[in-house]
Amino acid sequence: MSDAPSSPPAPGSDLTVRFAMGVAMAAVACLVIWFGGWPFRLFVALAAVVMFAEWCGMHKAARGWAFTGGLLLAAGLLGGIEYLYPDAAPSLDDGSVFVLSVEDFYPSLWAFAGLVAVGLAIALAARRLSLGWGLVYIGIPSFALMLLSWTYSGLVFWVMVVTWATDIFAYFAGRAIGGPKLAPKVSPNKTWAGLVGGMAGAGLAGWGLAWYFELGDLFLWIGAPMGAVAQAGDLYESWVKRRHGVKDSGTILPGHGGVLDRLDGLLAVAVVTMILLLAGLWAPPPPPDIILEGDTAFVMHVTSPRTG
């Protein structure tokens, strides 16, 4: 994710390539979010493996560690999500009468702990703490995205679109307004105008998506703060790249660099969204088949995720 320079781009800018690739990536992402289930899980796992390989490349680690860590990361993500939250279980997307509570998200803590353990093992085996941290940094948000998809695809659309809106509005606000730099030693092109523009765009997109998917008051109003979270995630990855003397995390995406360059803000937004769910600050709207009488909810049947 990037903010525009305050001066106009030089002739020969790759803006057209960036735009075309951005549209293609958005279309693919929307398609797999809509399908959900295993198509989405495999897509996220593949992206996580590529991001970890890019992380290893930035840190000049041997390819063997990228392969080993990527294999363990994919196995942990796919095995953990299927064991704790089976794809066959009903969700809000299939019309089931399905009641979620904050306790249903607690099993995810076991998955997060498992990813930390795998990261620690990689760090100890490679004698590179940075490799272990990279696996955790990429793995936990990836699992969070899978769990959000299992809960309700509207949540995944929300975090994706808020992140995209932050990127787009920050770029054009930074280009049109310019002004003081946000963090010149970390990312020289980012401006305070871009930050404010990105937050404004995220606020508008977040409100619209929350209204459309009926996500409730929390998601109606936290779009702008999540825009700041997305830009913080972008700045962190920019700091890592600058520290290791690289411009992009990779070259797999023409005009965009690496997968990690595109998803750095999303990783941060996914984690914060998962924290909000674990804190019990959000609950899905009650299904229409629930009849409320006073403080009692009568439910035709209730299904909860596997907890052991």
C-alpha atoms as a PDB file:
ATOM      1  CA  MET A   1       0.000   0.000   0.000  1.00  0.00           C
ATOM      2  CA  SER A   2       1.415   3.353  -0.921  1.00  0.00           C
ATOM      3  CA  ASP A   3       0.772   7.054  -0.649  1.00  0.00           C
ATOM      4  CA  ALA A   4       1.388   9.298  -3.628  1.00  0.00           C
ATOM      5  CA  PRO A   5       4.312  11.698  -3.859  1.00  0.00           C
ATOM      6  CA  SER A   6       3.367  15.333  -3.519  1.00  0.00           C
ATOM      7  CA  SER A   7       4.676  16.047  -7.040  1.00  0.00           C
ATOM      8  CA  PRO A   8       3.095  14.656 -10.220  1.00  0.00           C
ATOM      9  CA  PRO A   9       4.430  11.309 -11.417  1.00  0.00           C
ATOM     10  CA  ALA A  10       7.123  11.363 -14.047  1.00  0.00           C
ATOM     11  CA  PRO A  11       6.328  10.495 -17.668  1.00  0.00           C
ATOM     12  CA  GLY A  12       6.247   6.773 -18.188  1.00  0.00           C
ATOM     13  CA  SER A  13       4.559   6.211 -14.853  1.00  0.00           C
ATOM     14  CA  ASP A  14       3.237   2.701 -14.325  1.00  0.00           C
ATOM     15  CA  LEU A  15      -0.120   4.052 -13.115  1.00  0.00           C
ATOM     16  CA  THR A  16      -1.975   2.279 -15.949  1.00  0.00           C
ATOM     17  CA  VAL A  17      -0.315  -1.032 -15.119  1.00  0.00           C
ATOM     18  CA  ARG A  18      -1.008  -0.511 -11.427  1.00  0.00           C
ATOM     19  CA  PHE A  19      -4.660   0.256 -12.126  1.00  0.00           C
ATOM     20  CA  ALA A  20      -5.191  -2.760 -14.386  1.00  0.00           C
ATOM     21  CA  MET A  21      -3.448  -5.086 -11.952  1.00  0.00           C
ATOM     22  CA  GLY A  22      -5.372  -3.592  -9.045  1.00  0.00           C
ATOM     23  CA  VAL A  23      -8.703  -4.215 -10.767  1.00  0.00           C
ATOM     24  CA  ALA A  24      -7.695  -7.805 -11.558  1.00  0.00           C
ATOM     25  CA  MET A  25      -6.608  -8.454  -7.961  1.00  0.00           C
ATOM     26  CA  ALA A  26      -9.822  -6.947  -6.592  1.00  0.00           C
ATOM     27  CA  ALA A  27     -11.926  -9.106  -8.931  1.00  0.00           C
ATOM     28  CA  VAL A  28     -10.142 -12.306  -7.905  1.00  0.00           C
ATOM     29  CA  ALA A  29     -10.367 -11.385  -4.211  1.00  0.00           C
ATOM     30  CA  CYS A  30     -14.100 -10.639  -4.429  1.00  0.00           C
ATOM     31  CA  LEU A  31     -14.699 -13.913  -6.250  1.00  0.00           C
ATOM     32  CA  VAL A  32     -12.969 -16.085  -3.653  1.00  0.00           C
ATOM     33  CA  ILE A  33     -14.605 -14.153  -0.777  1.00  0.00           C
ATOM     34  CA  TRP A  34     -17.991 -14.785  -2.376  1.00  0.00           C
ATOM     35  CA  PHE A  35     -17.246 -18.507  -2.773  1.00  0.00           C
ATOM     36  CA  GLY A  36     -15.882 -18.707   0.786  1.00  0.00           C
ATOM     37  CA  GLY A  37     -15.111 -22.100   2.281  1.00  0.00           C
ATOM     38  CA  TRP A  38     -12.149 -24.008   0.905  1.00  0.00           C
ATOM     39  CA  PRO A  39     -11.578 -21.786  -2.146  1.00  0.00           C
ATOM     40  CA  PHE A  40     -11.078 -18.819   0.180  1.00  0.00           C
ATOM     41  CA  ARG A  41      -8.987 -20.829   2.666  1.00  0.00           C
ATOM     42  CA  LEU A  42      -6.663 -22.102  -0.050  1.00  0.00           C
ATOM     43  CA  PHE A  43      -6.362 -18.616  -1.525  1.00  0.00           C
ATOM     44  CA  VAL A  44      -5.399 -17.118   1.842  1.00  0.00           C
ATOM     45  CA  ALA A  45      -2.957 -19.957   2.573  1.00  0.00           C
ATOM     46  CA  LEU A  46      -1.282 -19.483  -0.824  1.00  0.00           C
ATOM     47  CA  ALA A  47      -0.991 -15.731  -0.252  1.00  0.00           C
ATOM     48  CA  ALA A  48       0.489 -16.388   3.207  1.00  0.00           C
ATOM     49  CA  VAL A  49       3.101 -18.766   1.791  1.00  0.00           C
ATOM     50  CA  VAL A  50       4.110 -16.233  -0.875  1.00  0.00           C
ATOM     51  CA  MET A  51       4.316 -13.442   1.710  1.00  0.00           C
ATOM     52  CA  PHE A  52       6.509 -15.583   3.943  1.00  0.00           C
ATOM     53  CA  ALA A  53       8.796 -16.362   0.988  1.00  0.00           C
ATOM     54  CA  GLU A  54       9.039 -12.631   0.287  1.00  0.00           C
ATOM     55  CA  TRP A  55       9.802 -11.989   3.960  1.00  0.00           C
ATOM     56  CA  CYS A  56      12.598 -14.558   3.836  1.00  0.00           C
ATOM     57  CA  GLY A  57      13.911 -12.947   0.669  1.00  0.00           C
ATOM     58  CA  MET A  58      14.021  -9.505   2.289  1.00  0.00           C
ATOM     59  CA  HIS A  59      15.970 -11.015   5.185  1.00  0.00           C
ATOM     60  CA  LYS A  60      18.292 -12.898   2.808  1.00  0.00           C
ATOM     61  CA  ALA A  61      17.426 -16.254   4.348  1.00  0.00           C
ATOM     62  CA  ALA A  62      18.186 -19.527   2.586  1.00  0.00           C
ATOM     63  CA  ARG A  63      15.419 -20.793   0.323  1.00  0.00           C
ATOM     64  CA  GLY A  64      15.164 -23.947   2.395  1.00  0.00           C
ATOM     65  CA  TRP A  65      13.812 -21.953   5.326  1.00  0.00           C
ATOM     66  CA  ALA A  66      11.279 -20.234   3.074  1.00  0.00           C
ATOM     67  CA  PHE A  67      10.109 -23.653   1.851  1.00  0.00           C
ATOM     68  CA  THR A  68      10.044 -25.257   5.312  1.00  0.00           C
ATOM     69  CA  GLY A  69       8.378 -22.311   6.994  1.00  0.00           C
ATOM     70  CA  GLY A  70       5.872 -21.913   4.171  1.00  0.00           C
ATOM     71  CA  LEU A  71       4.933 -25.589   4.343  1.00  0.00           C
ATOM     72  CA  LEU A  72       4.442 -25.442   8.112  1.00  0.00           C
ATOM     73  CA  LEU A  73       2.500 -22.186   7.804  1.00  0.00           C
ATOM     74  CA  ALA A  74       0.104 -23.583   5.201  1.00  0.00           C
ATOM     75  CA  ALA A  75      -0.406 -26.803   7.182  1.00  0.00           C
ATOM     76  CA  GLY A  76      -1.027 -24.883  10.390  1.00  0.00           C
ATOM     77  CA  LEU A  77      -3.505 -22.510   8.784  1.00  0.00           C
ATOM     78  CA  LEU A  78      -5.511 -25.084   6.864  1.00  0.00           C
ATOM     79  CA  GLY A  79      -5.388 -27.782   9.530  1.00  0.00           C
ATOM     80  CA  GLY A  80      -6.169 -25.379  12.351  1.00  0.00           C
ATOM     81  CA  ILE A  81      -9.119 -23.678  10.683  1.00  0.00           C
ATOM     82  CA  GLU A  82     -10.695 -26.971   9.601  1.00  0.00           C
ATOM     83  CA  TYR A  83     -10.291 -28.583  13.023  1.00  0.00           C
ATOM     84  CA  LEU A  84     -11.604 -25.645  15.018  1.00  0.00           C
ATOM     85  CA  TYR A  85     -14.076 -24.225  12.500  1.00  0.00           C
ATOM     86  CA  PRO A  86     -15.069 -26.927   9.975  1.00  0.00           C
ATOM     87  CA  ASP A  87     -16.148 -25.716   6.574  1.00  0.00           C
ATOM     88  CA  ALA A  88     -19.202 -27.987   6.770  1.00  0.00           C
ATOM     89  CA  ALA A  89     -20.535 -26.166   9.829  1.00  0.00           C
ATOM     90  CA  PRO A  90     -23.437 -23.743   9.241  1.00  0.00           C
ATOM     91  CA  SER A  91     -22.628 -20.051   9.049  1.00  0.00           C
ATOM     92  CA  LEU A  92     -24.480 -16.798   8.635  1.00  0.00           C
ATOM     93  CA  ASP A  93     -23.991 -17.071   4.872  1.00  0.00           C
ATOM     94  CA  ASP A  94     -26.045 -20.216   4.312  1.00  0.00           C
ATOM     95  CA  GLY A  95     -29.276 -19.015   5.894  1.00  0.00           C
ATOM     96  CA  SER A  96     -28.966 -21.267   8.955  1.00  0.00           C
ATOM     97  CA  VAL A  97     -30.434 -20.229  12.257  1.00  0.00           C
ATOM     98  CA  PHE A  98     -27.063 -19.747  13.811  1.00  0.00           C
ATOM     99  CA  VAL A  99     -26.232 -17.934  17.025  1.00  0.00           C
ATOM    100  CA  LEU A 100     -22.685 -16.797  17.710  1.00  0.00           C
ATOM    101  CA  SER A 101     -21.291 -15.585  21.001  1.00  0.00           C
ATOM    102  CA  VAL A 102     -17.857 -14.324  21.958  1.00  0.00           C
ATOM    103  CA  GLU A 103     -17.043 -17.778  23.369  1.00  0.00           C
ATOM    104  CA  ASP A 104     -17.217 -19.192  19.847  1.00  0.00           C
ATOM    105  CA  PHE A 105     -14.139 -17.167  18.928  1.00  0.00           C
ATOM    106  CA  TYR A 106     -12.036 -18.306  21.891  1.00  0.00           C
ATOM    107  CA  PRO A 107     -10.811 -21.550  20.227  1.00  0.00           C
ATOM    108  CA  SER A 108      -8.944 -19.347  17.754  1.00  0.00           C
ATOM    109  CA  LEU A 109      -6.541 -18.507  20.579  1.00  0.00           C
ATOM    110  CA  TRP A 110      -5.269 -22.099  20.378  1.00  0.00           C
ATOM    111  CA  ALA A 111      -4.530 -21.573  16.697  1.00  0.00           C
ATOM    112  CA  PHE A 112      -2.735 -18.310  17.387  1.00  0.00           C
ATOM    113  CA  ALA A 113      -0.685 -20.003  20.103  1.00  0.00           C
ATOM    114  CA  GLY A 114       0.157 -22.816  17.700  1.00  0.00           C
ATOM    115  CA  LEU A 115       1.369 -20.347  15.078  1.00  0.00           C
ATOM    116  CA  VAL A 116       3.544 -18.631  17.687  1.00  0.00           C
ATOM    117  CA  ALA A 117       4.998 -22.033  18.623  1.00  0.00           C
ATOM    118  CA  VAL A 118       5.777 -22.820  14.976  1.00  0.00           C
ATOM    119  CA  GLY A 119       7.370 -19.400  14.589  1.00  0.00           C
ATOM    120  CA  LEU A 120       9.493 -19.972  17.664  1.00  0.00           C
ATOM    121  CA  ALA A 121      10.592 -23.367  16.335  1.00  0.00           C
ATOM    122  CA  ILE A 122      11.611 -21.816  13.002  1.00  0.00           C
ATOM    123  CA  ALA A 123      13.482 -19.037  14.803  1.00  0.00           C
ATOM    124  CA  LEU A 124      15.402 -21.502  16.957  1.00  0.00           C
ATOM    125  CA  ALA A 125      16.160 -23.910  14.113  1.00  0.00           C
ATOM    126  CA  ALA A 126      17.328 -21.175  11.746  1.00  0.00           C
ATOM    127  CA  ARG A 127      18.910 -19.100  14.519  1.00  0.00           C
ATOM    128  CA  ARG A 128      17.084 -16.151  13.012  1.00  0.00           C
ATOM    129  CA  LEU A 129      14.492 -14.515  15.269  1.00  0.00           C
ATOM    130  CA  SER A 130      13.302 -12.446  12.305  1.00  0.00           C
ATOM    131  CA  LEU A 131      12.128 -15.566  10.435  1.00  0.00           C
ATOM    132  CA  GLY A 132      10.043 -16.735  13.363  1.00  0.00           C
ATOM    133  CA  TRP A 133       8.536 -13.281  13.772  1.00  0.00           C
ATOM    134  CA  GLY A 134       7.748 -13.177  10.048  1.00  0.00           C
ATOM    135  CA  LEU A 135       5.765 -16.397  10.282  1.00  0.00           C
ATOM    136  CA  VAL A 136       3.754 -15.042  13.223  1.00  0.00           C
ATOM    137  CA  TYR A 137       3.325 -11.618  11.607  1.00  0.00           C
ATOM    138  CA  ILE A 138       1.830 -13.229   8.497  1.00  0.00           C
ATOM    139  CA  GLY A 139       0.200 -16.313  10.023  1.00  0.00           C
ATOM    140  CA  ILE A 140      -2.033 -14.770  12.687  1.00  0.00           C
ATOM    141  CA  PRO A 141      -3.746 -12.259  10.359  1.00  0.00           C
ATOM    142  CA  SER A 142      -4.166 -14.993   7.737  1.00  0.00           C
ATOM    143  CA  PHE A 143      -5.936 -17.241  10.233  1.00  0.00           C
ATOM    144  CA  ALA A 144      -8.039 -14.266  11.331  1.00  0.00           C
ATOM    145  CA  LEU A 145      -9.191 -13.748   7.731  1.00  0.00           C
ATOM    146  CA  MET A 146     -10.169 -17.413   7.463  1.00  0.00           C
ATOM    147  CA  LEU A 147     -12.162 -17.160  10.694  1.00  0.00           C
ATOM    148  CA  LEU A 148     -13.882 -13.957   9.562  1.00  0.00           C
ATOM    149  CA  SER A 149     -14.892 -15.748   6.364  1.00  0.00           C
ATOM    150  CA  TRP A 150     -16.229 -18.702   8.357  1.00  0.00           C
ATOM    151  CA  THR A 151     -18.274 -16.305  10.484  1.00  0.00           C
ATOM    152  CA  TYR A 152     -19.725 -14.115   7.743  1.00  0.00           C
ATOM    153  CA  SER A 153     -18.375 -13.171   4.323  1.00  0.00           C
ATOM    154  CA  GLY A 154     -19.610  -9.624   4.917  1.00  0.00           C
ATOM    155  CA  LEU A 155     -16.875  -9.179   7.507  1.00  0.00           C
ATOM    156  CA  VAL A 156     -14.189 -10.113   4.981  1.00  0.00           C
ATOM    157  CA  PHE A 157     -15.645  -7.775   2.362  1.00  0.00           C
ATOM    158  CA  TRP A 158     -15.646  -5.049   5.018  1.00  0.00           C
ATOM    159  CA  VAL A 159     -11.967  -5.413   5.986  1.00  0.00           C
ATOM    160  CA  MET A 160     -10.912  -5.744   2.344  1.00  0.00           C
ATOM    161  CA  VAL A 161     -12.833  -2.722   1.074  1.00  0.00           C
ATOM    162  CA  VAL A 162     -11.821  -0.533   4.018  1.00  0.00           C
ATOM    163  CA  THR A 163      -8.170  -1.359   3.305  1.00  0.00           C
ATOM    164  CA  TRP A 164      -8.567  -0.714  -0.422  1.00  0.00           C
ATOM    165  CA  ALA A 165     -10.360   2.584   0.235  1.00  0.00           C
ATOM    166  CA  THR A 166      -7.553   3.662   2.550  1.00  0.00           C
ATOM    167  CA  ASP A 167      -4.978   2.948  -0.146  1.00  0.00           C
ATOM    168  CA  ILE A 168      -6.898   4.685  -2.941  1.00  0.00           C
ATOM    169  CA  PHE A 169      -7.957   7.794  -1.018  1.00  0.00           C
ATOM    170  CA  ALA A 170      -4.505   8.170   0.555  1.00  0.00           C
ATOM    171  CA  TYR A 171      -2.883   8.034  -2.871  1.00  0.00           C
ATOM    172  CA  PHE A 172      -5.079  10.687  -4.459  1.00  0.00           C
ATOM    173  CA  ALA A 173      -5.196  12.939  -1.388  1.00  0.00           C
ATOM    174  CA  GLY A 174      -1.422  12.836  -1.150  1.00  0.00           C
ATOM    175  CA  ARG A 175      -1.085  13.584  -4.860  1.00  0.00           C
ATOM    176  CA  ALA A 176      -3.625  16.413  -4.911  1.00  0.00           C
ATOM    177  CA  ILE A 177      -2.768  18.121  -1.624  1.00  0.00           C
ATOM    178  CA  GLY A 178       0.807  17.154  -0.761  1.00  0.00           C
ATOM    179  CA  GLY A 179       2.101  18.966   2.286  1.00  0.00           C
ATOM    180  CA  PRO A 180       4.097  17.795   5.315  1.00  0.00           C
ATOM    181  CA  LYS A 181       5.527  14.287   5.251  1.00  0.00           C
ATOM    182  CA  LEU A 182       4.062  11.692   7.591  1.00  0.00           C
ATOM    183  CA  ALA A 183       7.189   9.634   8.245  1.00  0.00           C
ATOM    184  CA  PRO A 184       9.957  10.827   5.906  1.00  0.00           C
ATOM    185  CA  LYS A 185      12.619   8.495   7.317  1.00  0.00           C
ATOM    186  CA  VAL A 186      10.410   5.444   6.840  1.00  0.00           C
ATOM    187  CA  SER A 187       8.314   6.218   3.758  1.00  0.00           C
ATOM    188  CA  PRO A 188       9.287   9.528   2.116  1.00  0.00           C
ATOM    189  CA  ASN A 189       6.213   9.724  -0.139  1.00  0.00           C
ATOM    190  CA  LYS A 190       3.596   9.545   2.597  1.00  0.00           C
ATOM    191  CA  THR A 191       1.960  12.770   3.730  1.00  0.00           C
ATOM    192  CA  TRP A 192      -0.370  13.804   6.518  1.00  0.00           C
ATOM    193  CA  ALA A 193      -2.882  14.736   3.821  1.00  0.00           C
ATOM    194  CA  GLY A 194      -2.706  11.164   2.560  1.00  0.00           C
ATOM    195  CA  LEU A 195      -3.331   9.836   6.057  1.00  0.00           C
ATOM    196  CA  VAL A 196      -6.406  12.018   6.538  1.00  0.00           C
ATOM    197  CA  GLY A 197      -7.673  11.261   3.030  1.00  0.00           C
ATOM    198  CA  GLY A 198      -7.186   7.533   3.574  1.00  0.00           C
ATOM    199  CA  MET A 199      -9.069   7.646   6.870  1.00  0.00           C
ATOM    200  CA  ALA A 200     -11.901   9.605   5.261  1.00  0.00           C
ATOM    201  CA  GLY A 201     -12.173   7.070   2.448  1.00  0.00           C
ATOM    202  CA  ALA A 202     -12.073   4.178   4.889  1.00  0.00           C
ATOM    203  CA  GLY A 203     -14.783   5.830   6.981  1.00  0.00           C
ATOM    204  CA  LEU A 204     -17.094   6.214   3.994  1.00  0.00           C
ATOM    205  CA  ALA A 205     -16.437   2.711   2.678  1.00  0.00           C
ATOM    206  CA  GLY A 206     -16.763   1.174   6.134  1.00  0.00           C
ATOM    207  CA  TRP A 207     -20.102   2.869   6.736  1.00  0.00           C
ATOM    208  CA  GLY A 208     -21.461   1.802   3.369  1.00  0.00           C
ATOM    209  CA  LEU A 209     -20.374  -1.829   3.681  1.00  0.00           C
ATOM    210  CA  ALA A 210     -21.560  -2.080   7.296  1.00  0.00           C
ATOM    211  CA  TRP A 211     -24.970  -0.763   6.268  1.00  0.00           C
ATOM    212  CA  TYR A 212     -25.202  -3.109   3.272  1.00  0.00           C
ATOM    213  CA  PHE A 213     -24.176  -6.237   5.204  1.00  0.00           C
ATOM    214  CA  GLU A 214     -26.034  -5.189   8.382  1.00  0.00           C
ATOM    215  CA  LEU A 215     -22.893  -5.473  10.493  1.00  0.00           C
ATOM    216  CA  GLY A 216     -24.172  -3.234  13.295  1.00  0.00           C
ATOM    217  CA  ASP A 217     -23.128   0.032  14.889  1.00  0.00           C
ATOM    218  CA  LEU A 218     -19.517  -0.950  15.615  1.00  0.00           C
ATOM    219  CA  PHE A 219     -18.614  -1.451  11.971  1.00  0.00           C
ATOM    220  CA  LEU A 220     -20.636   1.570  10.894  1.00  0.00           C
ATOM    221  CA  TRP A 221     -18.273   3.882  12.762  1.00  0.00           C
ATOM    222  CA  ILE A 222     -14.834   2.283  12.963  1.00  0.00           C
ATOM    223  CA  GLY A 223     -13.913   2.590   9.292  1.00  0.00           C
ATOM    224  CA  ALA A 224     -11.849   5.763   9.773  1.00  0.00           C
ATOM    225  CA  PRO A 225      -9.826   4.399  12.724  1.00  0.00           C
ATOM    226  CA  MET A 226      -9.234   1.231  10.714  1.00  0.00           C
ATOM    227  CA  GLY A 227      -7.869   3.430   7.948  1.00  0.00           C
ATOM    228  CA  ALA A 228      -5.222   4.609  10.405  1.00  0.00           C
ATOM    229  CA  VAL A 229      -4.565   0.972  11.361  1.00  0.00           C
ATOM    230  CA  ALA A 230      -4.096   0.054   7.686  1.00  0.00           C
ATOM    231  CA  GLN A 231      -1.596   2.859   7.201  1.00  0.00           C
ATOM    232  CA  ALA A 232       0.254   1.843  10.362  1.00  0.00           C
ATOM    233  CA  GLY A 233       0.567  -1.660   8.892  1.00  0.00           C
ATOM    234  CA  ASP A 234       1.890  -0.154   5.680  1.00  0.00           C
ATOM    235  CA  LEU A 235       4.423   1.968   7.560  1.00  0.00           C
ATOM    236  CA  TYR A 236       5.660  -1.065   9.490  1.00  0.00           C
ATOM    237  CA  GLU A 237       6.378  -2.980   6.301  1.00  0.00           C
ATOM    238  CA  SER A 238       8.011   0.118   4.800  1.00  0.00           C
ATOM    239  CA  TRP A 239      10.271   0.291   7.854  1.00  0.00           C
ATOM    240  CA  VAL A 240      11.248  -3.369   7.408  1.00  0.00           C
ATOM    241  CA  LYS A 241      12.037  -2.823   3.723  1.00  0.00           C
ATOM    242  CA  ARG A 242      14.068   0.312   4.390  1.00  0.00           C
ATOM    243  CA  ARG A 243      15.977  -1.474   7.137  1.00  0.00           C
ATOM    244  CA  HIS A 244      16.959  -4.210   4.696  1.00  0.00           C
ATOM    245  CA  GLY A 245      17.618  -1.928   1.748  1.00  0.00           C
ATOM    246  CA  VAL A 246      14.845  -3.125  -0.582  1.00  0.00           C
ATOM    247  CA  LYS A 247      12.228  -1.106  -2.446  1.00  0.00           C
ATOM    248  CA  ASP A 248       9.584  -3.837  -2.755  1.00  0.00           C
ATOM    249  CA  SER A 249       9.010  -7.133  -0.990  1.00  0.00           C
ATOM    250  CA  GLY A 250       8.875  -8.903  -4.348  1.00  0.00           C
ATOM    251  CA  THR A 251       8.153  -8.585  -8.065  1.00  0.00           C
ATOM    252  CA  ILE A 252       5.280 -11.019  -8.563  1.00  0.00           C
ATOM    253  CA  LEU A 253       2.649  -8.289  -9.107  1.00  0.00           C
ATOM    254  CA  PRO A 254       3.443  -5.936 -12.026  1.00  0.00           C
ATOM    255  CA  GLY A 255       3.240  -2.322 -10.944  1.00  0.00           C
ATOM    256  CA  HIS A 256       2.672  -3.286  -7.307  1.00  0.00           C
ATOM    257  CA  GLY A 257       5.770  -5.173  -6.192  1.00  0.00           C
ATOM    258  CA  GLY A 258       5.146  -8.156  -3.956  1.00  0.00           C
ATOM    259  CA  VAL A 259       2.078  -9.664  -2.315  1.00  0.00           C
ATOM    260  CA  LEU A 260       3.255  -8.371   1.055  1.00  0.00           C
ATOM    261  CA  ASP A 261       3.417  -4.852  -0.397  1.00  0.00           C
ATOM    262  CA  ARG A 262      -0.287  -5.112  -1.282  1.00  0.00           C
ATOM    263  CA  LEU A 263      -1.514  -6.804   1.878  1.00  0.00           C
ATOM    264  CA  ASP A 264       0.528  -5.108   4.613  1.00  0.00           C
ATOM    265  CA  GLY A 265      -2.372  -2.865   5.621  1.00  0.00           C
ATOM    266  CA  LEU A 266      -4.864  -5.734   5.422  1.00  0.00           C
ATOM    267  CA  LEU A 267      -2.805  -7.817   7.861  1.00  0.00           C
ATOM    268  CA  ALA A 268      -3.111  -5.080  10.475  1.00  0.00           C
ATOM    269  CA  VAL A 269      -6.832  -4.497   9.886  1.00  0.00           C
ATOM    270  CA  ALA A 270      -7.591  -8.238  10.078  1.00  0.00           C
ATOM    271  CA  VAL A 271      -5.810  -8.563  13.432  1.00  0.00           C
ATOM    272  CA  VAL A 272      -7.560  -5.557  14.989  1.00  0.00           C
ATOM    273  CA  THR A 273     -10.939  -6.780  13.703  1.00  0.00           C
ATOM    274  CA  MET A 274     -10.279 -10.187  15.264  1.00  0.00           C
ATOM    275  CA  ILE A 275      -9.377  -8.515  18.571  1.00  0.00           C
ATOM    276  CA  LEU A 276     -12.722  -6.668  18.523  1.00  0.00           C
ATOM    277  CA  LEU A 277     -14.578  -9.959  18.043  1.00  0.00           C
ATOM    278  CA  LEU A 278     -12.587 -11.669  20.813  1.00  0.00           C
ATOM    279  CA  ALA A 279     -13.336  -8.737  23.116  1.00  0.00           C
ATOM    280  CA  GLY A 280     -17.050  -9.285  22.598  1.00  0.00           C
ATOM    281  CA  LEU A 281     -17.587  -5.872  21.014  1.00  0.00           C
ATOM    282  CA  TRP A 282     -19.523  -7.285  18.065  1.00  0.00           C
ATOM    283  CA  ALA A 283     -22.250  -9.837  17.633  1.00  0.00           C
ATOM    284  CA  PRO A 284     -24.072 -10.731  14.421  1.00  0.00           C
ATOM    285  CA  PRO A 285     -27.675  -9.558  14.087  1.00  0.00           C
ATOM    286  CA  PRO A 286     -30.180 -12.187  15.267  1.00  0.00           C
ATOM    287  CA  PRO A 287     -31.554 -14.402  12.493  1.00  0.00           C
ATOM    288  CA  PRO A 288     -35.146 -13.725  11.488  1.00  0.00           C
ATOM    289  CA  ASP A 289     -36.321 -17.060  12.943  1.00  0.00           C
ATOM    290  CA  ILE A 290     -35.402 -15.964  16.474  1.00  0.00           C
ATOM    291  CA  ILE A 291     -38.417 -14.714  18.393  1.00  0.00           C
ATOM    292  CA  LEU A 292     -37.625 -12.423  21.295  1.00  0.00           C
ATOM    293  CA  GLU A 293     -39.863 -12.349  24.366  1.00  0.00           C
ATOM    294  CA  GLY A 294     -38.554 -10.071  27.034  1.00  0.00           C
ATOM    295  CA  ASP A 295     -34.999 -11.175  27.710  1.00  0.00           C
ATOM    296  CA  THR A 296     -35.467 -14.670  26.267  1.00  0.00           C
ATOM    297  CA  ALA A 297     -34.483 -15.749  22.772  1.00  0.00           C
ATOM    298  CA  PHE A 298     -36.245 -18.798  21.337  1.00  0.00           C
ATOM    299  CA  VAL A 299     -34.132 -20.451  18.666  1.00  0.00           C
ATOM    300  CA  MET A 300     -35.172 -23.306  16.412  1.00  0.00           C
ATOM    301  CA  HIS A 301     -31.685 -24.813  16.599  1.00  0.00           C
ATOM    302  CA  VAL A 302     -28.226 -23.589  17.487  1.00  0.00           C
ATOM    303  CA  THR A 303     -24.911 -24.699  16.057  1.00  0.00           C
ATOM    304  CA  SER A 304     -21.517 -23.697  17.450  1.00  0.00           C
ATOM    305  CA  PRO A 305     -17.980 -24.367  16.233  1.00  0.00           C
ATOM    306  CA  ARG A 306     -15.875 -27.199  17.484  1.00  0.00           C
ATOM    307  CA  THR A 307     -14.094 -26.358  20.713  1.00  0.00           C
ATOM    308  CA  GLY A 308     -11.977 -29.391  21.375  1.00  0.00           C
END
